[in-house]
Amino acid sequence: MYQILVVEDDKEILEGISIYLRNQGYKVFGASNGFEGLEVLERETIHLAIVDIMMPKMDGITMTMKLREKFDFPVIMLSAKSEDMDKVTGLNIGADDYVTKPFVPMELLARVNSQLRRYAKYLKVVEDVPKSNVHTIGGLELDEDTVEVRVDGNPVKLTPLEFKILQLLIKSPGRVFSPDEIYERVWNEKAITTDTIMVHIRKIREKIEINPREPKYLKVVWGIGYKIEKQ
């Protein structure tokens, strides 16, 4: 089942689109602005997004730019007739198609189906390419198959928990993980206390960083969590 994200601040339009899509057998996730849309993308596997251009807090142009940093699924933009320049901007920064409001629901469905057919062919090509389980950021390299970590070609010995934490972070470079999320995804249980995360992070830094006080790879985002810095 394809999963579609609809980002639209008009509740009636959001609900109307969602109903039509569900009737076609799609699973639909809704959001009322770009911030909420990006949050959905962090939790769910999305195959296509329908994004309104004009929204509060974060508009569709900004959201599309941010999601294109990590995702390659089709994006269809919704725009009013007065937003022609925004439509051009949207296409230039990564949108695949646009529909002008007011629109006929069947036209939107046709465009959704067309984009998903193209995306399915793209996914088939990608699946035929052998997958690499080696993740590299600058001189830092983690191999999931051999459970090995190297820095500038030199092997680094990590404990199993340290490896799992680094594996989680390096697979989503640039994304900030909270201590609670790290604990729950590595230990597979509800986080009660996350003090141990800080200890493990410090030990990982001591092993992979030339200068742990000025880390190149494993960064703290104060008050939020930890991330592997994009290089």
C-alpha atoms as a PDB file:
ATOM      1  CA  MET A   1       0.000   0.000   0.000  1.00  0.00           C
ATOM      2  CA  TYR A   2       1.384   3.387  -0.999  1.00  0.00           C
ATOM      3  CA  GLN A   3       1.476   5.965   1.766  1.00  0.00           C
ATOM      4  CA  ILE A   4       0.751   9.589   0.892  1.00  0.00           C
ATOM      5  CA  LEU A   5       1.368  12.722   2.929  1.00  0.00           C
ATOM      6  CA  VAL A   6      -1.027  15.647   2.415  1.00  0.00           C
ATOM      7  CA  VAL A   7       0.183  18.987   3.811  1.00  0.00           C
ATOM      8  CA  GLU A   8      -2.583  21.587   3.667  1.00  0.00           C
ATOM      9  CA  ASP A   9      -3.663  24.233   6.203  1.00  0.00           C
ATOM     10  CA  ASP A  10      -7.285  24.331   4.975  1.00  0.00           C
ATOM     11  CA  LYS A  11      -8.959  21.546   6.968  1.00  0.00           C
ATOM     12  CA  GLU A  12     -11.793  21.061   4.463  1.00  0.00           C
ATOM     13  CA  ILE A  13      -9.406  20.671   1.522  1.00  0.00           C
ATOM     14  CA  LEU A  14      -7.162  18.359   3.563  1.00  0.00           C
ATOM     15  CA  GLU A  15     -10.076  16.155   4.537  1.00  0.00           C
ATOM     16  CA  GLY A  16     -11.501  16.138   1.002  1.00  0.00           C
ATOM     17  CA  ILE A  17      -8.208  15.071  -0.579  1.00  0.00           C
ATOM     18  CA  SER A  18      -7.708  12.440   2.122  1.00  0.00           C
ATOM     19  CA  ILE A  19     -11.135  10.911   1.495  1.00  0.00           C
ATOM     20  CA  TYR A  20     -10.549  10.622  -2.261  1.00  0.00           C
ATOM     21  CA  LEU A  21      -7.120   9.079  -1.746  1.00  0.00           C
ATOM     22  CA  ARG A  22      -8.337   6.568   0.842  1.00  0.00           C
ATOM     23  CA  ASN A  23     -11.143   5.553  -1.504  1.00  0.00           C
ATOM     24  CA  GLN A  24      -8.421   4.693  -4.031  1.00  0.00           C
ATOM     25  CA  GLY A  25      -6.712   2.423  -1.495  1.00  0.00           C
ATOM     26  CA  TYR A  26      -3.943   4.766  -0.363  1.00  0.00           C
ATOM     27  CA  LYS A  27      -2.954   5.261   3.269  1.00  0.00           C
ATOM     28  CA  VAL A  28      -2.999   8.985   4.037  1.00  0.00           C
ATOM     29  CA  PHE A  29      -1.185  11.095   6.622  1.00  0.00           C
ATOM     30  CA  GLY A  30      -2.197  14.720   7.110  1.00  0.00           C
ATOM     31  CA  ALA A  31      -0.355  17.821   8.288  1.00  0.00           C
ATOM     32  CA  SER A  32      -1.379  21.480   8.490  1.00  0.00           C
ATOM     33  CA  ASN A  33       2.022  23.082   7.823  1.00  0.00           C
ATOM     34  CA  GLY A  34       5.567  22.295   6.720  1.00  0.00           C
ATOM     35  CA  PHE A  35       6.861  21.660  10.235  1.00  0.00           C
ATOM     36  CA  GLU A  36       4.199  19.020  10.880  1.00  0.00           C
ATOM     37  CA  GLY A  37       4.833  17.526   7.442  1.00  0.00           C
ATOM     38  CA  LEU A  38       8.549  17.072   8.134  1.00  0.00           C
ATOM     39  CA  GLU A  39       7.723  15.459  11.469  1.00  0.00           C
ATOM     40  CA  VAL A  40       5.548  12.887   9.681  1.00  0.00           C
ATOM     41  CA  LEU A  41       8.432  12.115   7.308  1.00  0.00           C
ATOM     42  CA  GLU A  42      10.653  11.254  10.267  1.00  0.00           C
ATOM     43  CA  ARG A  43       8.103   8.707  11.542  1.00  0.00           C
ATOM     44  CA  GLU A  44       6.555   7.185   8.425  1.00  0.00           C
ATOM     45  CA  THR A  45       7.606   5.792   5.060  1.00  0.00           C
ATOM     46  CA  ILE A  46       6.047   8.148   2.533  1.00  0.00           C
ATOM     47  CA  HIS A  47       5.832   7.425  -1.214  1.00  0.00           C
ATOM     48  CA  LEU A  48       4.336  10.736  -2.389  1.00  0.00           C
ATOM     49  CA  ALA A  49       3.572  14.134  -0.860  1.00  0.00           C
ATOM     50  CA  ILE A  50       0.907  16.654  -1.827  1.00  0.00           C
ATOM     51  CA  VAL A  51       2.051  20.020  -0.469  1.00  0.00           C
ATOM     52  CA  ASP A  52       0.219  23.352  -0.448  1.00  0.00           C
ATOM     53  CA  ILE A  53       2.451  26.338  -1.248  1.00  0.00           C
ATOM     54  CA  MET A  54       0.921  28.944   1.091  1.00  0.00           C
ATOM     55  CA  MET A  55       0.867  27.713   4.707  1.00  0.00           C
ATOM     56  CA  PRO A  56       1.598  29.224   8.134  1.00  0.00           C
ATOM     57  CA  LYS A  57       4.769  28.465  10.153  1.00  0.00           C
ATOM     58  CA  MET A  58       6.511  26.792   7.196  1.00  0.00           C
ATOM     59  CA  ASP A  59       5.353  27.134   3.583  1.00  0.00           C
ATOM     60  CA  GLY A  60       5.406  24.424   0.952  1.00  0.00           C
ATOM     61  CA  ILE A  61       8.454  25.789  -0.874  1.00  0.00           C
ATOM     62  CA  THR A  62      10.580  25.656   2.268  1.00  0.00           C
ATOM     63  CA  MET A  63       9.288  22.231   3.227  1.00  0.00           C
ATOM     64  CA  THR A  64      10.043  20.819  -0.226  1.00  0.00           C
ATOM     65  CA  MET A  65      13.587  22.185  -0.100  1.00  0.00           C
ATOM     66  CA  LYS A  66      14.139  20.532   3.280  1.00  0.00           C
ATOM     67  CA  LEU A  67      12.635  17.166   2.368  1.00  0.00           C
ATOM     68  CA  ARG A  68      14.692  17.012  -0.833  1.00  0.00           C
ATOM     69  CA  GLU A  69      17.806  16.898   1.352  1.00  0.00           C
ATOM     70  CA  LYS A  70      16.830  13.353   2.364  1.00  0.00           C
ATOM     71  CA  PHE A  71      13.952  12.039   0.230  1.00  0.00           C
ATOM     72  CA  ASP A  72      13.394  11.449  -3.482  1.00  0.00           C
ATOM     73  CA  PHE A  73       9.693  10.508  -3.642  1.00  0.00           C
ATOM     74  CA  PRO A  74       7.365  12.586  -5.886  1.00  0.00           C
ATOM     75  CA  VAL A  75       6.019  15.918  -4.637  1.00  0.00           C
ATOM     76  CA  ILE A  76       2.870  17.507  -6.080  1.00  0.00           C
ATOM     77  CA  MET A  77       2.353  21.143  -5.126  1.00  0.00           C
ATOM     78  CA  LEU A  78      -1.019  22.824  -4.680  1.00  0.00           C
ATOM     79  CA  SER A  79      -1.168  26.473  -5.647  1.00  0.00           C
ATOM     80  CA  ALA A  80      -3.623  29.297  -6.225  1.00  0.00           C
ATOM     81  CA  LYS A  81      -3.753  30.946  -9.657  1.00  0.00           C
ATOM     82  CA  SER A  82      -1.976  34.005  -8.253  1.00  0.00           C
ATOM     83  CA  GLU A  83       1.069  31.941  -7.258  1.00  0.00           C
ATOM     84  CA  ASP A  84       2.567  31.300 -10.707  1.00  0.00           C
ATOM     85  CA  MET A  85       6.067  32.375  -9.662  1.00  0.00           C
ATOM     86  CA  ASP A  86       5.836  30.131  -6.606  1.00  0.00           C
ATOM     87  CA  LYS A  87       4.906  27.213  -8.861  1.00  0.00           C
ATOM     88  CA  VAL A  88       7.995  27.821 -10.977  1.00  0.00           C
ATOM     89  CA  THR A  89      10.112  28.058  -7.831  1.00  0.00           C
ATOM     90  CA  GLY A  90       8.596  24.832  -6.533  1.00  0.00           C
ATOM     91  CA  LEU A  91       9.468  22.946  -9.701  1.00  0.00           C
ATOM     92  CA  ASN A  92      12.988  24.370  -9.676  1.00  0.00           C
ATOM     93  CA  ILE A  93      13.693  23.246  -6.111  1.00  0.00           C
ATOM     94  CA  GLY A  94      12.432  19.690  -6.506  1.00  0.00           C
ATOM     95  CA  ALA A  95       8.654  19.435  -6.920  1.00  0.00           C
ATOM     96  CA  ASP A  96       7.537  17.017  -9.648  1.00  0.00           C
ATOM     97  CA  ASP A  97       4.143  18.484 -10.553  1.00  0.00           C
ATOM     98  CA  TYR A  98       1.585  21.049  -9.453  1.00  0.00           C
ATOM     99  CA  VAL A  99      -2.185  21.402  -9.409  1.00  0.00           C
ATOM    100  CA  THR A 100      -3.912  24.795  -9.380  1.00  0.00           C
ATOM    101  CA  LYS A 101      -6.768  25.476  -6.958  1.00  0.00           C
ATOM    102  CA  PRO A 102      -9.649  25.043  -7.333  1.00  0.00           C
ATOM    103  CA  PHE A 103      -9.072  21.629  -8.875  1.00  0.00           C
ATOM    104  CA  VAL A 104     -11.164  18.647  -9.896  1.00  0.00           C
ATOM    105  CA  PRO A 105     -10.427  15.745  -7.521  1.00  0.00           C
ATOM    106  CA  MET A 106     -10.123  13.275 -10.405  1.00  0.00           C
ATOM    107  CA  GLU A 107      -7.390  15.438 -11.962  1.00  0.00           C
ATOM    108  CA  LEU A 108      -5.388  15.310  -8.730  1.00  0.00           C
ATOM    109  CA  LEU A 109      -5.891  11.546  -8.485  1.00  0.00           C
ATOM    110  CA  ALA A 110      -4.707  11.119 -12.074  1.00  0.00           C
ATOM    111  CA  ARG A 111      -1.533  13.073 -11.317  1.00  0.00           C
ATOM    112  CA  VAL A 112      -0.964  11.079  -8.127  1.00  0.00           C
ATOM    113  CA  ASN A 113      -1.335   7.790  -9.992  1.00  0.00           C
ATOM    114  CA  SER A 114       0.978   8.983 -12.779  1.00  0.00           C
ATOM    115  CA  GLN A 115       3.713  10.077 -10.353  1.00  0.00           C
ATOM    116  CA  LEU A 116       3.490   6.843  -8.377  1.00  0.00           C
ATOM    117  CA  ARG A 117       3.819   4.752 -11.553  1.00  0.00           C
ATOM    118  CA  ARG A 118       7.031   6.621 -12.383  1.00  0.00           C
ATOM    119  CA  TYR A 119       8.289   6.290  -8.825  1.00  0.00           C
ATOM    120  CA  ALA A 120       7.578   2.549  -8.820  1.00  0.00           C
ATOM    121  CA  LYS A 121       9.779   2.159 -11.918  1.00  0.00           C
ATOM    122  CA  TYR A 122      12.510   4.200 -10.234  1.00  0.00           C
ATOM    123  CA  LEU A 123      12.329   2.030  -7.102  1.00  0.00           C
ATOM    124  CA  LYS A 124      12.598  -1.109  -9.233  1.00  0.00           C
ATOM    125  CA  VAL A 125      15.818   0.197 -10.773  1.00  0.00           C
ATOM    126  CA  VAL A 126      17.198   1.081  -7.337  1.00  0.00           C
ATOM    127  CA  GLU A 127      16.295  -2.337  -5.940  1.00  0.00           C
ATOM    128  CA  ASP A 128      18.238  -4.000  -8.752  1.00  0.00           C
ATOM    129  CA  VAL A 129      21.414  -2.199  -7.673  1.00  0.00           C
ATOM    130  CA  PRO A 130      23.350  -4.088  -4.983  1.00  0.00           C
ATOM    131  CA  LYS A 131      22.907  -2.311  -1.660  1.00  0.00           C
ATOM    132  CA  SER A 132      25.890  -1.160   0.331  1.00  0.00           C
ATOM    133  CA  ASN A 133      25.801  -1.466   4.080  1.00  0.00           C
ATOM    134  CA  VAL A 134      28.854   0.735   4.488  1.00  0.00           C
ATOM    135  CA  HIS A 135      28.123   4.254   5.738  1.00  0.00           C
ATOM    136  CA  THR A 136      30.802   6.881   5.250  1.00  0.00           C
ATOM    137  CA  ILE A 137      30.983  10.438   6.562  1.00  0.00           C
ATOM    138  CA  GLY A 138      34.306  12.080   5.792  1.00  0.00           C
ATOM    139  CA  GLY A 139      36.979   9.798   7.257  1.00  0.00           C
ATOM    140  CA  LEU A 140      34.471   7.967   9.471  1.00  0.00           C
ATOM    141  CA  GLU A 141      33.285   4.603   8.124  1.00  0.00           C
ATOM    142  CA  LEU A 142      30.840   2.100   9.637  1.00  0.00           C
ATOM    143  CA  ASP A 143      30.285  -1.333   8.056  1.00  0.00           C
ATOM    144  CA  GLU A 144      27.042  -2.996   9.165  1.00  0.00           C
ATOM    145  CA  ASP A 145      27.960  -6.380   7.674  1.00  0.00           C
ATOM    146  CA  THR A 146      31.337  -6.766   9.368  1.00  0.00           C
ATOM    147  CA  VAL A 147      30.389  -4.653  12.418  1.00  0.00           C
ATOM    148  CA  GLU A 148      33.556  -2.598  11.980  1.00  0.00           C
ATOM    149  CA  VAL A 149      34.295   1.093  12.393  1.00  0.00           C
ATOM    150  CA  ARG A 150      37.266   2.912  10.898  1.00  0.00           C
ATOM    151  CA  VAL A 151      38.513   6.470  11.175  1.00  0.00           C
ATOM    152  CA  ASP A 152      40.852   7.585   8.388  1.00  0.00           C
ATOM    153  CA  GLY A 153      41.392   3.911   7.584  1.00  0.00           C
ATOM    154  CA  ASN A 154      42.317   2.930  11.138  1.00  0.00           C
ATOM    155  CA  PRO A 155      40.110   0.402  12.968  1.00  0.00           C
ATOM    156  CA  VAL A 156      38.211   1.617  16.055  1.00  0.00           C
ATOM    157  CA  LYS A 157      37.007  -0.832  18.673  1.00  0.00           C
ATOM    158  CA  LEU A 158      33.491  -0.076  19.934  1.00  0.00           C
ATOM    159  CA  THR A 159      31.306  -1.995  22.365  1.00  0.00           C
ATOM    160  CA  PRO A 160      28.079  -3.464  20.911  1.00  0.00           C
ATOM    161  CA  LEU A 161      25.989  -0.630  22.402  1.00  0.00           C
ATOM    162  CA  GLU A 162      28.400   2.029  21.172  1.00  0.00           C
ATOM    163  CA  PHE A 163      28.253   0.490  17.692  1.00  0.00           C
ATOM    164  CA  LYS A 164      24.432   0.516  17.700  1.00  0.00           C
ATOM    165  CA  ILE A 165      24.300   4.165  18.780  1.00  0.00           C
ATOM    166  CA  LEU A 166      26.808   5.228  16.120  1.00  0.00           C
ATOM    167  CA  GLN A 167      24.978   3.086  13.545  1.00  0.00           C
ATOM    168  CA  LEU A 168      21.689   4.851  14.324  1.00  0.00           C
ATOM    169  CA  LEU A 169      23.248   8.307  14.009  1.00  0.00           C
ATOM    170  CA  ILE A 170      25.415   7.741  10.929  1.00  0.00           C
ATOM    171  CA  LYS A 171      22.525   6.311   8.901  1.00  0.00           C
ATOM    172  CA  SER A 172      20.744   9.686   9.166  1.00  0.00           C
ATOM    173  CA  PRO A 173      23.526  12.274   8.922  1.00  0.00           C
ATOM    174  CA  GLY A 174      22.429  15.732   9.973  1.00  0.00           C
ATOM    175  CA  ARG A 175      19.347  14.498  11.817  1.00  0.00           C
ATOM    176  CA  VAL A 176      19.230  15.256  15.544  1.00  0.00           C
ATOM    177  CA  PHE A 177      18.210  12.362  17.797  1.00  0.00           C
ATOM    178  CA  SER A 178      17.001  13.082  21.322  1.00  0.00           C
ATOM    179  CA  PRO A 179      18.446  10.989  24.184  1.00  0.00           C
ATOM    180  CA  ASP A 180      15.008   9.391  24.670  1.00  0.00           C
ATOM    181  CA  GLU A 181      14.809   8.338  21.029  1.00  0.00           C
ATOM    182  CA  ILE A 182      18.338   6.940  21.035  1.00  0.00           C
ATOM    183  CA  TYR A 183      17.608   4.933  24.180  1.00  0.00           C
ATOM    184  CA  GLU A 184      14.310   3.553  22.913  1.00  0.00           C
ATOM    185  CA  ARG A 185      15.674   2.597  19.479  1.00  0.00           C
ATOM    186  CA  VAL A 186      18.898   1.028  20.745  1.00  0.00           C
ATOM    187  CA  TRP A 187      17.640  -0.620  23.956  1.00  0.00           C
ATOM    188  CA  ASN A 188      14.154  -1.350  22.530  1.00  0.00           C
ATOM    189  CA  GLU A 189      12.417  -0.244  25.708  1.00  0.00           C
ATOM    190  CA  LYS A 190      10.776   2.871  27.104  1.00  0.00           C
ATOM    191  CA  ALA A 191      13.274   5.478  28.250  1.00  0.00           C
ATOM    192  CA  ILE A 192      13.094   6.120  31.989  1.00  0.00           C
ATOM    193  CA  THR A 193      16.499   7.719  32.433  1.00  0.00           C
ATOM    194  CA  THR A 194      18.896   8.706  29.642  1.00  0.00           C
ATOM    195  CA  ASP A 195      22.000   9.508  31.690  1.00  0.00           C
ATOM    196  CA  THR A 196      23.659   6.436  30.194  1.00  0.00           C
ATOM    197  CA  ILE A 197      23.349   7.947  26.705  1.00  0.00           C
ATOM    198  CA  MET A 198      25.600  10.859  27.650  1.00  0.00           C
ATOM    199  CA  VAL A 199      28.213   8.416  28.962  1.00  0.00           C
ATOM    200  CA  HIS A 200      28.145   6.311  25.791  1.00  0.00           C
ATOM    201  CA  ILE A 201      28.312   9.399  23.574  1.00  0.00           C
ATOM    202  CA  ARG A 202      31.385  10.613  25.469  1.00  0.00           C
ATOM    203  CA  LYS A 203      33.095   7.240  25.036  1.00  0.00           C
ATOM    204  CA  ILE A 204      32.282   7.101  21.313  1.00  0.00           C
ATOM    205  CA  ARG A 205      33.729  10.581  20.884  1.00  0.00           C
ATOM    206  CA  GLU A 206      36.924   9.580  22.647  1.00  0.00           C
ATOM    207  CA  LYS A 207      37.335   6.747  20.148  1.00  0.00           C
ATOM    208  CA  ILE A 208      36.388   8.412  16.838  1.00  0.00           C
ATOM    209  CA  GLU A 209      37.401  12.038  17.322  1.00  0.00           C
ATOM    210  CA  ILE A 210      40.941  13.405  17.045  1.00  0.00           C
ATOM    211  CA  ASN A 211      39.959  16.079  19.570  1.00  0.00           C
ATOM    212  CA  PRO A 212      36.846  15.056  21.553  1.00  0.00           C
ATOM    213  CA  ARG A 213      36.524  18.612  22.915  1.00  0.00           C
ATOM    214  CA  GLU A 214      36.161  19.924  19.355  1.00  0.00           C
ATOM    215  CA  PRO A 215      34.372  17.035  17.630  1.00  0.00           C
ATOM    216  CA  LYS A 216      34.295  16.769  13.868  1.00  0.00           C
ATOM    217  CA  TYR A 217      31.677  14.028  13.548  1.00  0.00           C
ATOM    218  CA  LEU A 218      29.576  13.484  16.677  1.00  0.00           C
ATOM    219  CA  LYS A 219      27.981  16.795  17.634  1.00  0.00           C
ATOM    220  CA  VAL A 220      25.751  17.911  20.504  1.00  0.00           C
ATOM    221  CA  VAL A 221      22.753  20.093  19.722  1.00  0.00           C
ATOM    222  CA  TRP A 222      22.315  21.638  23.134  1.00  0.00           C
ATOM    223  CA  GLY A 223      18.960  20.999  24.739  1.00  0.00           C
ATOM    224  CA  ILE A 224      17.856  18.700  21.913  1.00  0.00           C
ATOM    225  CA  GLY A 225      20.176  15.762  21.336  1.00  0.00           C
ATOM    226  CA  TYR A 226      22.986  14.376  19.195  1.00  0.00           C
ATOM    227  CA  LYS A 227      23.786  14.026  15.518  1.00  0.00           C
ATOM    228  CA  ILE A 228      26.466  12.944  13.071  1.00  0.00           C
ATOM    229  CA  GLU A 229      27.506  16.084  11.216  1.00  0.00           C
ATOM    230  CA  LYS A 230      27.185  16.050   7.433  1.00  0.00           C
ATOM    231  CA  GLN A 231      30.549  16.509   5.725  1.00  0.00           C
END
